[in-house]
Structure formats: structure tokens, C-alpha cells
């Protein structure tokens, strides 16, 4: 299950970042859906980092 989530996350990140890079090279504005998905990806990354950091701190410092 973790493998499927990692593959989906990686594919989503690749598509969003390549579309944003293409729009920047062509000097076009980003569509709203691309911005929303980019913010969603950023939020998921930050949430996962905070969650994993919390787990690490509670397991290793708590003992």
C-alpha cells in the first residue's frame, strides 16, 4: 500500500512540476487547477514531514 502511495505521489509531483516548468519557459500564466494541485502537493509534503518528525520525536526522545 505504501508503494502505491509513493508511486502516485511521485507521478503527481512529476506532472505538476513539469507543467509548471513548461508554462514558465513559455511565459504563460499557470491555470488555476495547476496552482491548486501544486499547493495540495506542498501541503501534503509539509504534513508528511511534520507527522514523521512527530513520530520520530515521540519514539526516540520519549524513551
C-alpha atoms as a PDB file:
ATOM      1  CA  UNK A   1       0.000   0.000   0.000  1.00  0.00           C
ATOM      2  CA  UNK A   2       2.864   2.366   0.789  1.00  0.00           C
ATOM      3  CA  UNK A   3       4.413   1.605  -2.596  1.00  0.00           C
ATOM      4  CA  UNK A   4       1.206   2.619  -4.382  1.00  0.00           C
ATOM      5  CA  UNK A   5       1.014   5.881  -2.420  1.00  0.00           C
ATOM      6  CA  UNK A   6       4.675   6.677  -3.142  1.00  0.00           C
ATOM      7  CA  UNK A   7       4.246   5.932  -6.840  1.00  0.00           C
ATOM      8  CA  UNK A   8       1.110   8.084  -7.048  1.00  0.00           C
ATOM      9  CA  UNK A   9       2.767  10.944  -5.158  1.00  0.00           C
ATOM     10  CA  UNK A  10       5.853  10.792  -7.378  1.00  0.00           C
ATOM     11  CA  UNK A  11       3.801  10.739 -10.554  1.00  0.00           C
ATOM     12  CA  UNK A  12       1.680  13.663  -9.390  1.00  0.00           C
ATOM     13  CA  UNK A  13       4.764  15.665  -8.414  1.00  0.00           C
ATOM     14  CA  UNK A  14       6.413  14.954 -11.757  1.00  0.00           C
ATOM     15  CA  UNK A  15       3.384  16.040 -13.782  1.00  0.00           C
ATOM     16  CA  UNK A  16       2.795  19.215 -11.757  1.00  0.00           C
ATOM     17  CA  UNK A  17       6.427  20.320 -11.774  1.00  0.00           C
ATOM     18  CA  UNK A  18       6.925  19.621 -15.485  1.00  0.00           C
ATOM     19  CA  UNK A  19       3.752  21.536 -16.383  1.00  0.00           C
ATOM     20  CA  UNK A  20       4.817  24.486 -14.231  1.00  0.00           C
ATOM     21  CA  UNK A  21       8.276  24.479 -15.798  1.00  0.00           C
ATOM     22  CA  UNK A  22       6.808  24.366 -19.316  1.00  0.00           C
ATOM     23  CA  UNK A  23       4.492  27.283 -18.554  1.00  0.00           C
ATOM     24  CA  UNK A  24       7.374  29.287 -17.119  1.00  0.00           C
ATOM     25  CA  UNK A  25       9.545  28.673 -20.186  1.00  0.00           C
ATOM     26  CA  UNK A  26       6.714  29.750 -22.482  1.00  0.00           C
ATOM     27  CA  UNK A  27       5.940  32.773 -20.265  1.00  0.00           C
ATOM     28  CA  UNK A  28       2.315  31.741 -19.864  1.00  0.00           C
ATOM     29  CA  UNK A  29       0.242  32.030 -16.695  1.00  0.00           C
ATOM     30  CA  UNK A  30      -0.452  28.832 -14.803  1.00  0.00           C
ATOM     31  CA  UNK A  31      -4.017  27.504 -14.914  1.00  0.00           C
ATOM     32  CA  UNK A  32      -5.854  27.634 -11.569  1.00  0.00           C
ATOM     33  CA  UNK A  33      -6.059  23.827 -11.338  1.00  0.00           C
ATOM     34  CA  UNK A  34      -2.275  23.561 -11.629  1.00  0.00           C
ATOM     35  CA  UNK A  35      -1.842  26.086  -8.820  1.00  0.00           C
ATOM     36  CA  UNK A  36      -4.331  24.274  -6.581  1.00  0.00           C
ATOM     37  CA  UNK A  37      -2.658  20.911  -7.190  1.00  0.00           C
ATOM     38  CA  UNK A  38       0.738  22.462  -6.528  1.00  0.00           C
ATOM     39  CA  UNK A  39      -0.456  23.861  -3.206  1.00  0.00           C
ATOM     40  CA  UNK A  40      -2.021  20.489  -2.381  1.00  0.00           C
ATOM     41  CA  UNK A  41       1.276  18.751  -3.098  1.00  0.00           C
ATOM     42  CA  UNK A  42       3.153  21.287  -0.976  1.00  0.00           C
ATOM     43  CA  UNK A  43       0.695  20.808   1.888  1.00  0.00           C
ATOM     44  CA  UNK A  44       0.945  17.030   1.691  1.00  0.00           C
ATOM     45  CA  UNK A  45       4.728  17.231   1.767  1.00  0.00           C
ATOM     46  CA  UNK A  46       4.730  19.574   4.762  1.00  0.00           C
ATOM     47  CA  UNK A  47       2.139  17.481   6.589  1.00  0.00           C
ATOM     48  CA  UNK A  48       4.057  14.274   5.997  1.00  0.00           C
ATOM     49  CA  UNK A  49       7.291  15.907   7.187  1.00  0.00           C
ATOM     50  CA  UNK A  50       5.638  17.191  10.362  1.00  0.00           C
ATOM     51  CA  UNK A  51       3.908  13.879  11.006  1.00  0.00           C
ATOM     52  CA  UNK A  52       7.060  11.848  10.541  1.00  0.00           C
ATOM     53  CA  UNK A  53       9.037  14.290  12.653  1.00  0.00           C
ATOM     54  CA  UNK A  54       6.482  13.956  15.430  1.00  0.00           C
ATOM     55  CA  UNK A  55       6.645  10.166  15.272  1.00  0.00           C
ATOM     56  CA  UNK A  56      10.430  10.212  15.422  1.00  0.00           C
ATOM     57  CA  UNK A  57      10.489  12.629  18.345  1.00  0.00           C
ATOM     58  CA  UNK A  58       7.924  10.717  20.389  1.00  0.00           C
ATOM     59  CA  UNK A  59       9.525   7.315  19.802  1.00  0.00           C
ATOM     60  CA  UNK A  60      13.173   8.170  20.325  1.00  0.00           C
ATOM     61  CA  UNK A  61      13.014  11.039  22.809  1.00  0.00           C
ATOM     62  CA  UNK A  62      10.115   9.561  24.747  1.00  0.00           C
ATOM     63  CA  UNK A  63      12.148   6.526  25.815  1.00  0.00           C
END
